[in-house]
């Protein structure tokens, strides 16, 4: 099977989804070239390996699917919504008239707290649109049915990277009580709010010198993940008055390994909260900056996990609501072992079919003539899914000079995002 991903976190979701739904199959990985193409370090940290892995443009991937459509039973599109839509139209074109084609699967990396309708309709047309919980499955079907689109593609599963041993209190044995703040690249998005959270983290460490307080970061400066990070915590920490106390430090690495030593997980709205809840690790969703859609923490209303730094400083221990946890697909009660059964059965039935219907996204030049062409053009495709004149494509591995130029271009882009853009924004606020 094949997985096309456009960031480190989506590669993790896509590759693990492939392993969960079609176990023991050969995995070919494709990384969509763009601003968030993962670095070698990020791929190592994700820890999911493919039998072969290469970087491609959208047009290169479509040519591969046209030439080698018989080589793949399943294609997982682990992409942002617009890229999924572009690939669906492109694949519909290259597989036109074929009775047999790969089964196309897509979905979301984690918590769906914004652009629900937009993201879902951009994913419509895949054979399977995976929902990570019963809660999401109900919402997804309601959106599709509400616009008159076929909702039968929505399949309830779970996040594929949940796992790890259940939490056991270890503080006082081999290590100190460990508090982990799971940072997010774009939430919150202002320097003031991010500095506030960093300051409160440092203050918590000073108030509790017997605790180890860790700031878990997704990427290093210059790297990008699923979301653009304009204000890296690493740089904010350098400017923090008094710096970080001795028992407070920055950490990277695989989230599952960090959770192995975590006694309290704190975040604004990171998917890491669901990983922690699955393992029964005490988890807090911060309310300091409000409970707002822009932060994504509104998703956790009813969870029993909402609290502030003031409450944590005073020793508050969250108690999750069992019904809420179960609806989110993260209950550690054994049900997770069967969470992918429905997806496996649907894929097997489609592969056994004598003929698969053509891919039919909801968005077409008829239903969205003012929107779809723009979405497809971002990936150098025309309204019919065909490559536009001048679309970047190369069937050869780029030479050393081209690789250097490409790395320099990415570096310039990331410098612009992380250094120049914030300065311009501040100047505009004067």
Protein backbone atom coordinates (compact mmCIF):
# COMPACT_ATOMS: atom_id res chain seq x y z
CA UNK A 1 0.00 0.00 0.00
CA UNK A 2 1.00 3.64 -0.41
CA UNK A 3 0.88 6.61 1.98
CA UNK A 4 1.17 10.19 0.77
CA UNK A 5 1.86 12.65 3.61
CA UNK A 6 2.76 16.35 3.81
CA UNK A 7 4.16 16.69 7.35
CA UNK A 8 5.75 14.64 10.12
CA UNK A 9 2.54 14.24 12.12
CA UNK A 10 0.50 13.30 9.06
CA UNK A 11 3.15 10.78 8.04
CA UNK A 12 2.85 9.25 11.51
CA UNK A 13 -0.96 9.10 11.25
CA UNK A 14 -0.95 7.80 7.67
CA UNK A 15 1.70 5.12 8.15
CA UNK A 16 0.19 3.85 11.39
CA UNK A 17 -3.29 3.90 9.85
CA UNK A 18 -1.91 1.78 7.01
CA UNK A 19 -0.43 -0.68 9.49
CA UNK A 20 -3.66 -0.86 11.48
CA UNK A 21 -6.00 -1.33 8.52
CA UNK A 22 -3.88 -3.57 6.28
CA UNK A 23 -1.41 -5.33 8.59
CA UNK A 24 1.74 -6.97 7.21
CA UNK A 25 1.52 -5.23 3.84
CA UNK A 26 4.44 -3.59 2.06
CA UNK A 27 4.44 0.15 2.78
CA UNK A 28 5.58 2.66 0.18
CA UNK A 29 5.88 6.17 1.55
CA UNK A 30 5.62 9.42 -0.43
CA UNK A 31 6.32 12.82 1.12
CA UNK A 32 4.59 15.70 -0.64
CA UNK A 33 7.11 18.42 -1.33
CA UNK A 34 6.20 21.66 0.43
CA UNK A 35 6.85 23.95 3.38
CA UNK A 36 6.27 21.20 5.96
CA UNK A 37 8.11 18.30 4.29
CA UNK A 38 9.63 16.52 7.31
CA UNK A 39 13.36 16.46 7.90
CA UNK A 40 15.31 13.25 8.51
CA UNK A 41 15.37 14.05 12.24
CA UNK A 42 11.60 14.47 12.37
CA UNK A 43 11.08 11.17 10.56
CA UNK A 44 13.37 9.39 13.01
CA UNK A 45 11.48 10.90 15.94
CA UNK A 46 8.14 9.70 14.53
CA UNK A 47 9.60 6.21 14.52
CA UNK A 48 7.45 4.75 11.72
CA UNK A 49 9.43 3.15 8.91
CA UNK A 50 8.44 2.43 5.32
CA UNK A 51 9.84 -0.18 2.96
CA UNK A 52 10.66 2.68 0.62
CA UNK A 53 10.27 6.43 1.04
CA UNK A 54 10.69 9.33 -1.37
CA UNK A 55 9.79 12.97 -1.82
CA UNK A 56 7.44 13.87 -4.68
CA UNK A 57 5.39 16.68 -6.14
CA UNK A 58 1.64 16.24 -6.56
CA UNK A 59 2.08 15.62 -10.29
CA UNK A 60 4.84 13.07 -9.70
CA UNK A 61 2.62 11.16 -7.30
CA UNK A 62 -0.24 11.10 -9.79
CA UNK A 63 2.07 9.80 -12.51
CA UNK A 64 3.22 7.05 -10.16
CA UNK A 65 -0.40 6.11 -9.45
CA UNK A 66 -1.16 6.08 -13.18
CA UNK A 67 1.83 3.89 -14.05
CA UNK A 68 1.76 1.60 -11.03
CA UNK A 69 -1.92 1.46 -10.08
CA UNK A 70 -1.75 -2.34 -10.00
CA UNK A 71 1.10 -2.23 -7.45
CA UNK A 72 -1.02 -0.73 -4.69
CA UNK A 73 -4.19 -2.12 -3.10
CA UNK A 74 -4.73 0.86 -0.79
CA UNK A 75 -3.66 4.52 -0.93
CA UNK A 76 -3.78 6.58 2.27
CA UNK A 77 -3.93 10.35 1.76
CA UNK A 78 -2.52 11.85 4.98
CA UNK A 79 -2.75 15.46 3.86
CA UNK A 80 -4.31 18.82 4.58
CA UNK A 81 -7.85 19.05 3.19
CA UNK A 82 -7.03 21.01 0.03
CA UNK A 83 -4.30 18.56 -0.92
CA UNK A 84 -6.67 15.63 -0.37
CA UNK A 85 -9.20 17.23 -2.71
CA UNK A 86 -6.54 17.84 -5.35
CA UNK A 87 -5.35 14.24 -5.17
CA UNK A 88 -8.91 12.91 -5.38
CA UNK A 89 -9.54 14.82 -8.60
CA UNK A 90 -6.13 13.89 -9.97
CA UNK A 91 -6.60 10.22 -9.14
CA UNK A 92 -10.12 10.21 -10.59
CA UNK A 93 -8.59 11.39 -13.86
CA UNK A 94 -5.64 8.95 -14.03
CA UNK A 95 -7.86 5.98 -13.04
CA UNK A 96 -10.75 6.94 -15.31
CA UNK A 97 -12.24 3.91 -17.05
CA UNK A 98 -10.42 1.36 -14.89
CA UNK A 99 -12.54 -1.35 -13.29
CA UNK A 100 -9.88 -2.07 -10.67
CA UNK A 101 -8.06 0.62 -8.76
CA UNK A 102 -6.63 1.10 -5.25
CA UNK A 103 -8.95 1.86 -2.35
CA UNK A 104 -8.47 5.46 -1.20
CA UNK A 105 -8.46 6.25 2.54
CA UNK A 106 -8.16 9.61 4.31
CA UNK A 107 -8.97 11.22 7.65
CA UNK A 108 -7.64 13.54 10.35
CA UNK A 109 -4.47 13.48 12.45
CA UNK A 110 -6.17 14.40 15.72
CA UNK A 111 -8.79 16.61 17.33
CA UNK A 112 -11.09 18.27 14.78
CA UNK A 113 -11.90 21.61 16.40
CA UNK A 114 -12.02 24.03 13.47
CA UNK A 115 -13.13 24.20 9.82
CA UNK A 116 -15.25 21.09 10.28
CA UNK A 117 -17.42 21.52 7.17
CA UNK A 118 -14.60 22.87 5.00
CA UNK A 119 -12.16 20.12 5.91
CA UNK A 120 -14.73 17.35 5.58
CA UNK A 121 -16.04 18.42 2.19
CA UNK A 122 -12.46 18.68 0.91
CA UNK A 123 -12.00 15.05 1.95
CA UNK A 124 -15.27 13.84 0.44
CA UNK A 125 -14.80 11.47 -2.46
CA UNK A 126 -12.40 9.06 -0.77
CA UNK A 127 -13.65 5.48 -0.34
CA UNK A 128 -13.11 5.74 3.41
CA UNK A 129 -13.08 8.91 5.54
CA UNK A 130 -11.89 7.74 8.93
CA UNK A 131 -13.32 9.30 12.09
CA UNK A 132 -11.18 8.97 15.20
CA UNK A 133 -14.15 8.53 17.57
CA UNK A 134 -17.90 7.98 17.79
CA UNK A 135 -18.23 11.71 18.42
CA UNK A 136 -16.42 12.55 15.18
CA UNK A 137 -18.25 9.91 13.16
CA UNK A 138 -21.62 11.39 14.10
CA UNK A 139 -20.47 14.92 13.25
CA UNK A 140 -18.92 13.84 9.94
CA UNK A 141 -22.06 12.04 8.77
CA UNK A 142 -24.23 15.01 9.76
CA UNK A 143 -22.14 17.37 7.62
CA UNK A 144 -22.22 15.11 4.57
CA UNK A 145 -25.93 14.39 4.85
CA UNK A 146 -26.61 18.07 5.44
CA UNK A 147 -25.26 19.01 2.00
CA UNK A 148 -26.75 16.00 0.25
CA UNK A 149 -23.44 14.14 -0.08
CA UNK A 150 -23.00 10.41 0.38
CA UNK A 151 -22.01 9.72 4.01
CA UNK A 152 -21.39 5.99 3.68
CA UNK A 153 -17.63 6.58 3.43
CA UNK A 154 -17.43 7.69 7.08
CA UNK A 155 -16.00 4.86 9.20
CA UNK A 156 -15.52 5.07 12.96
CA UNK A 157 -12.01 4.07 14.06
CA UNK A 158 -9.61 5.60 16.59
CA UNK A 159 -6.34 7.48 16.56
CA UNK A 160 -3.83 4.91 15.28
CA UNK A 161 -1.00 5.98 17.59
CA UNK A 162 -2.75 5.35 20.90
CA UNK A 163 -1.04 2.76 23.05
CA UNK A 164 1.60 2.32 25.70
CA UNK A 165 1.36 0.89 29.18
CA UNK A 166 -1.37 2.17 31.54
CA UNK A 167 -0.25 4.83 33.99
CA UNK A 168 1.17 3.76 37.34
CA UNK A 169 2.20 6.37 39.87
CA UNK A 170 5.98 6.14 40.10
CA UNK A 171 6.95 9.38 41.84
CA UNK A 172 9.16 8.73 44.83
CA UNK A 173 10.50 5.47 43.42
CA UNK A 174 12.91 5.89 40.53
CA UNK A 175 12.11 9.44 39.45
CA UNK A 176 10.51 12.64 40.70
CA UNK A 177 6.91 13.58 39.98
CA UNK A 178 7.01 14.71 36.35
CA UNK A 179 4.82 17.40 34.81
CA UNK A 180 4.87 17.65 31.00
CA UNK A 181 3.52 20.60 29.07
CA UNK A 182 2.76 19.52 25.49
CA UNK A 183 3.35 22.58 23.33
CA UNK A 184 1.60 23.26 20.03
CA UNK A 185 3.10 25.08 17.03
CA UNK A 186 0.19 27.47 16.47
CA UNK A 187 -1.93 27.46 19.66
CA UNK A 188 -1.85 30.02 21.13
CA UNK A 189 -0.58 32.20 18.33
CA UNK A 190 0.59 35.42 20.03
CA UNK A 191 3.92 36.13 21.71
CA UNK A 192 2.14 37.44 24.81
CA UNK A 193 0.07 34.28 25.30
CA UNK A 194 2.95 31.91 24.59
CA UNK A 195 5.24 33.84 26.93
CA UNK A 196 2.52 33.73 29.60
CA UNK A 197 2.28 29.93 29.37
CA UNK A 198 6.06 29.60 29.47
CA UNK A 199 6.28 31.90 32.50
CA UNK A 200 3.60 29.93 34.36
CA UNK A 201 5.41 26.68 33.55
CA UNK A 202 8.62 28.09 35.03
CA UNK A 203 6.75 29.40 38.08
CA UNK A 204 5.18 25.98 38.65
CA UNK A 205 8.66 24.46 38.62
CA UNK A 206 9.90 27.03 41.17
CA UNK A 207 6.87 26.42 43.41
CA UNK A 208 7.50 22.66 43.28
CA UNK A 209 11.29 22.15 43.34
CA UNK A 210 10.74 18.43 44.01
CA UNK A 211 9.06 18.04 40.61
CA UNK A 212 10.58 17.67 37.15
CA UNK A 213 8.82 20.03 34.75
CA UNK A 214 9.27 19.38 31.03
CA UNK A 215 8.31 21.43 27.99
CA UNK A 216 7.69 18.89 25.21
CA UNK A 217 8.37 20.46 21.81
CA UNK A 218 7.34 19.13 18.43
CA UNK A 219 10.10 20.61 16.28
CA UNK A 220 13.38 22.48 16.42
CA UNK A 221 13.79 26.04 15.10
CA UNK A 222 13.78 25.98 11.30
CA UNK A 223 11.65 22.83 11.10
CA UNK A 224 7.94 22.84 10.34
CA UNK A 225 5.26 20.41 11.35
CA UNK A 226 1.54 20.26 10.53
CA UNK A 227 1.11 23.92 11.54
CA UNK A 228 3.47 26.87 11.06
CA UNK A 229 5.27 27.91 14.24
CA UNK A 230 6.11 31.60 14.06
CA UNK A 231 7.10 31.93 17.73
CA UNK A 232 9.13 28.89 18.86
CA UNK A 233 9.21 28.33 22.61
CA UNK A 234 12.96 27.77 22.40
CA UNK A 235 13.48 31.43 21.49
CA UNK A 236 10.92 32.69 23.99
CA UNK A 237 12.69 30.74 26.73
CA UNK A 238 15.92 32.58 25.97
CA UNK A 239 14.17 35.89 26.66
CA UNK A 240 12.35 34.78 29.81
CA UNK A 241 13.43 36.93 32.81
CA UNK A 242 15.44 34.72 35.11
CA UNK A 243 15.44 31.90 32.57
CA UNK A 244 14.13 28.42 33.30
CA UNK A 245 14.77 26.93 36.76
CA UNK A 246 17.05 23.90 37.09
CA UNK A 247 14.11 21.48 37.33
CA UNK A 248 12.47 22.82 34.13
CA UNK A 249 13.82 21.95 30.70
CA UNK A 250 12.97 21.50 27.04
CA UNK A 251 12.62 17.99 25.61
CA UNK A 252 12.05 16.46 22.18
CA UNK A 253 11.48 12.87 21.15
CA UNK A 254 8.64 10.43 20.64
CA UNK A 255 5.55 11.46 22.62
CA UNK A 256 4.90 7.89 23.73
CA UNK A 257 8.35 7.68 25.33
CA UNK A 258 7.84 11.02 27.08
CA UNK A 259 4.48 9.82 28.41
CA UNK A 260 6.20 6.76 29.86
CA UNK A 261 7.63 9.02 32.58
CA UNK A 262 4.75 11.52 32.85
CA UNK A 263 2.67 11.93 36.01
CA UNK A 264 0.68 14.96 34.81
CA UNK A 265 0.14 16.04 31.18
CA UNK A 266 -0.74 19.70 30.67
CA UNK A 267 -1.69 21.31 27.36
CA UNK A 268 -3.98 23.82 25.70
CA UNK A 269 -5.57 21.40 23.24
CA UNK A 270 -2.88 19.06 21.89
CA UNK A 271 -3.78 15.59 20.65
CA UNK A 272 -1.22 14.45 23.22
CA UNK A 273 -4.06 14.88 25.73
CA UNK A 274 -5.94 12.02 24.07
CA UNK A 275 -2.82 9.85 24.15
CA UNK A 276 -2.45 10.57 27.86
CA UNK A 277 -6.12 9.94 28.62
CA UNK A 278 -5.93 6.62 26.79
CA UNK A 279 -3.17 5.60 29.19
CA UNK A 280 -5.05 6.98 32.24
CA UNK A 281 -2.37 9.61 32.86
CA UNK A 282 -3.78 12.62 34.77
CA UNK A 283 -4.43 15.27 32.11
CA UNK A 284 -5.23 18.98 32.29
CA UNK A 285 -6.56 21.23 29.53
CA UNK A 286 -5.64 24.80 30.42
CA UNK A 287 -8.32 27.46 30.81
CA UNK A 288 -5.93 30.37 31.58
CA UNK A 289 -6.45 31.94 28.14
CA UNK A 290 -10.17 31.17 28.10
CA UNK A 291 -12.15 28.24 26.69
CA UNK A 292 -12.34 29.31 23.07
CA UNK A 293 -12.79 27.83 19.63
CA UNK A 294 -9.62 29.60 18.48
CA UNK A 295 -7.64 27.61 21.04
CA UNK A 296 -9.36 24.29 20.44
CA UNK A 297 -9.82 23.64 24.16
CA UNK A 298 -13.58 24.00 23.74
CA UNK A 299 -13.41 20.46 22.34
CA UNK A 300 -12.70 19.25 25.89
CA UNK A 301 -15.78 20.72 27.56
CA UNK A 302 -17.40 17.93 29.54
CA UNK A 303 -14.12 16.02 29.86
CA UNK A 304 -13.49 16.90 33.50
CA UNK A 305 -9.97 17.94 32.53
CA UNK A 306 -10.33 21.74 32.33
CA UNK A 307 -8.22 23.62 34.90
CA UNK A 308 -5.86 26.59 35.28
CA UNK A 309 -2.23 26.96 36.34
CA UNK A 310 -3.43 28.48 39.63
CA UNK A 311 -5.35 25.29 40.37
CA UNK A 312 -2.39 23.11 39.36
CA UNK A 313 -0.04 25.14 41.54
CA UNK A 314 -2.40 24.45 44.44
CA UNK A 315 -2.28 20.69 43.84
CA UNK A 316 -5.44 20.08 41.75
CA UNK A 317 -5.77 16.55 40.34
CA UNK A 318 -8.12 16.17 37.33
CA UNK A 319 -10.65 13.34 37.17
CA UNK A 320 -11.78 12.63 33.58
CA UNK A 321 -15.42 11.96 32.78
CA UNK A 322 -15.65 8.33 31.70
CA UNK A 323 -18.55 8.85 29.28
CA UNK A 324 -16.76 11.72 27.55
CA UNK A 325 -13.55 9.71 27.27
CA UNK A 326 -15.41 6.74 25.77
CA UNK A 327 -17.05 8.93 23.10
CA UNK A 328 -13.61 10.21 22.10
CA UNK A 329 -12.37 6.70 21.33
CA UNK A 330 -9.61 6.78 23.93
CA UNK A 331 -11.02 4.62 26.73
CA UNK A 332 -8.40 2.11 27.81
CA UNK A 333 -10.91 -0.71 28.30
CA UNK A 334 -9.93 -3.12 25.55
CA UNK A 335 -12.28 -1.64 22.93
CA UNK A 336 -9.31 -0.09 21.15
CA UNK A 337 -8.22 -3.54 19.98
CA UNK A 338 -11.31 -3.75 17.75
CA UNK A 339 -11.42 -0.06 16.77
CA UNK A 340 -10.15 -0.71 13.24
CA UNK A 341 -12.25 -3.80 12.49
CA UNK A 342 -14.91 -1.86 10.55
CA UNK A 343 -12.27 -0.16 8.40
CA UNK A 344 -10.55 -3.47 7.68
CA UNK A 345 -13.87 -5.06 6.70
CA UNK A 346 -14.81 -2.16 4.41
CA UNK A 347 -11.40 -2.23 2.69
CA UNK A 348 -11.57 -6.02 2.25
CA UNK A 349 -15.07 -5.78 0.74
CA UNK A 350 -13.97 -3.08 -1.71
CA UNK A 351 -10.89 -5.03 -2.75
CA UNK A 352 -13.08 -8.10 -3.36
CA UNK A 353 -15.44 -6.13 -5.60
CA UNK A 354 -15.35 -6.94 -9.28
CA UNK A 355 -15.41 -3.23 -10.05
CA UNK A 356 -14.96 -0.09 -7.96
CA UNK A 357 -16.96 3.03 -8.80
CA UNK A 358 -15.04 6.09 -9.93
CA UNK A 359 -13.94 8.59 -7.29
CA UNK A 360 -16.69 11.20 -7.03
CA UNK A 361 -15.87 14.15 -4.73
CA UNK A 362 -18.71 16.43 -3.64
CA UNK A 363 -16.86 19.45 -5.03
CA UNK A 364 -16.98 19.61 -8.83
CA UNK A 365 -16.81 22.43 -11.39
CA UNK A 366 -20.62 22.42 -11.14
CA UNK A 367 -21.08 22.45 -7.33
CA UNK A 368 -18.14 24.76 -6.50
CA UNK A 369 -17.05 26.59 -9.68
CA UNK A 370 -15.65 29.54 -7.72
CA UNK A 371 -13.73 27.48 -5.16
CA UNK A 372 -12.55 24.17 -6.61
CA UNK A 373 -10.28 25.61 -9.37
CA UNK A 374 -8.33 27.58 -6.75
CA UNK A 375 -7.90 24.52 -4.55
CA UNK A 376 -6.64 22.42 -7.44
CA UNK A 377 -4.41 25.17 -8.82
CA UNK A 378 -2.44 25.27 -5.56
CA UNK A 379 -1.23 21.81 -6.52
CA UNK A 380 -0.75 22.70 -10.19
CA UNK A 381 -3.87 20.88 -11.36
CA UNK A 382 -6.61 22.19 -13.62
CA UNK A 383 -10.38 21.88 -12.98
CA UNK A 384 -10.36 18.48 -14.70
CA UNK A 385 -7.56 17.15 -12.47
CA UNK A 386 -4.97 17.34 -15.25
CA UNK A 387 -1.54 18.97 -14.62
CA UNK A 388 -1.41 22.63 -15.55
CA UNK A 389 1.21 23.78 -18.06
CA UNK A 390 4.53 24.27 -16.32
CA UNK A 391 3.63 22.10 -13.32
CA UNK A 392 6.82 21.15 -11.43
CA UNK A 393 7.70 17.52 -12.04
CA UNK A 394 10.85 15.48 -12.23
CA UNK A 395 11.13 11.75 -12.70
CA UNK A 396 14.74 11.86 -11.54
CA UNK A 397 16.25 12.22 -8.08
CA UNK A 398 17.39 15.85 -7.77
CA UNK A 399 21.13 16.39 -8.12
CA UNK A 400 23.36 17.85 -5.38
CA UNK A 401 23.03 21.43 -6.64
CA UNK A 402 19.23 21.23 -6.82
CA UNK A 403 19.08 19.71 -3.33
CA UNK A 404 21.18 22.59 -1.95
CA UNK A 405 18.99 25.17 -3.69
CA UNK A 406 15.84 23.48 -2.38
CA UNK A 407 17.15 23.42 1.20
CA UNK A 408 18.14 27.08 0.91
CA UNK A 409 14.69 28.00 -0.39
CA UNK A 410 13.01 26.17 2.49
CA UNK A 411 15.34 27.87 4.95
CA UNK A 412 14.48 31.27 3.50
CA UNK A 413 10.77 30.51 3.74
CA UNK A 414 11.03 29.37 7.34
CA UNK A 415 13.16 32.40 8.22
CA UNK A 416 10.46 34.60 6.72
CA UNK A 417 7.74 32.85 8.73
CA UNK A 418 9.59 32.83 12.05
CA UNK A 419 11.56 36.09 11.89
CA UNK A 420 10.32 38.52 9.25
CA UNK A 421 6.54 37.96 9.47
CA UNK A 422 6.31 38.66 13.24
CA UNK A 423 8.31 41.89 12.82
CA UNK A 424 6.05 43.09 10.01
CA UNK A 425 3.00 42.19 12.08
CA UNK A 426 4.30 44.18 15.05
CA UNK A 427 5.06 47.16 12.81
CA UNK A 428 1.52 47.03 11.50
CA UNK A 429 0.16 47.19 15.04
CA UNK A 430 2.06 50.41 15.86
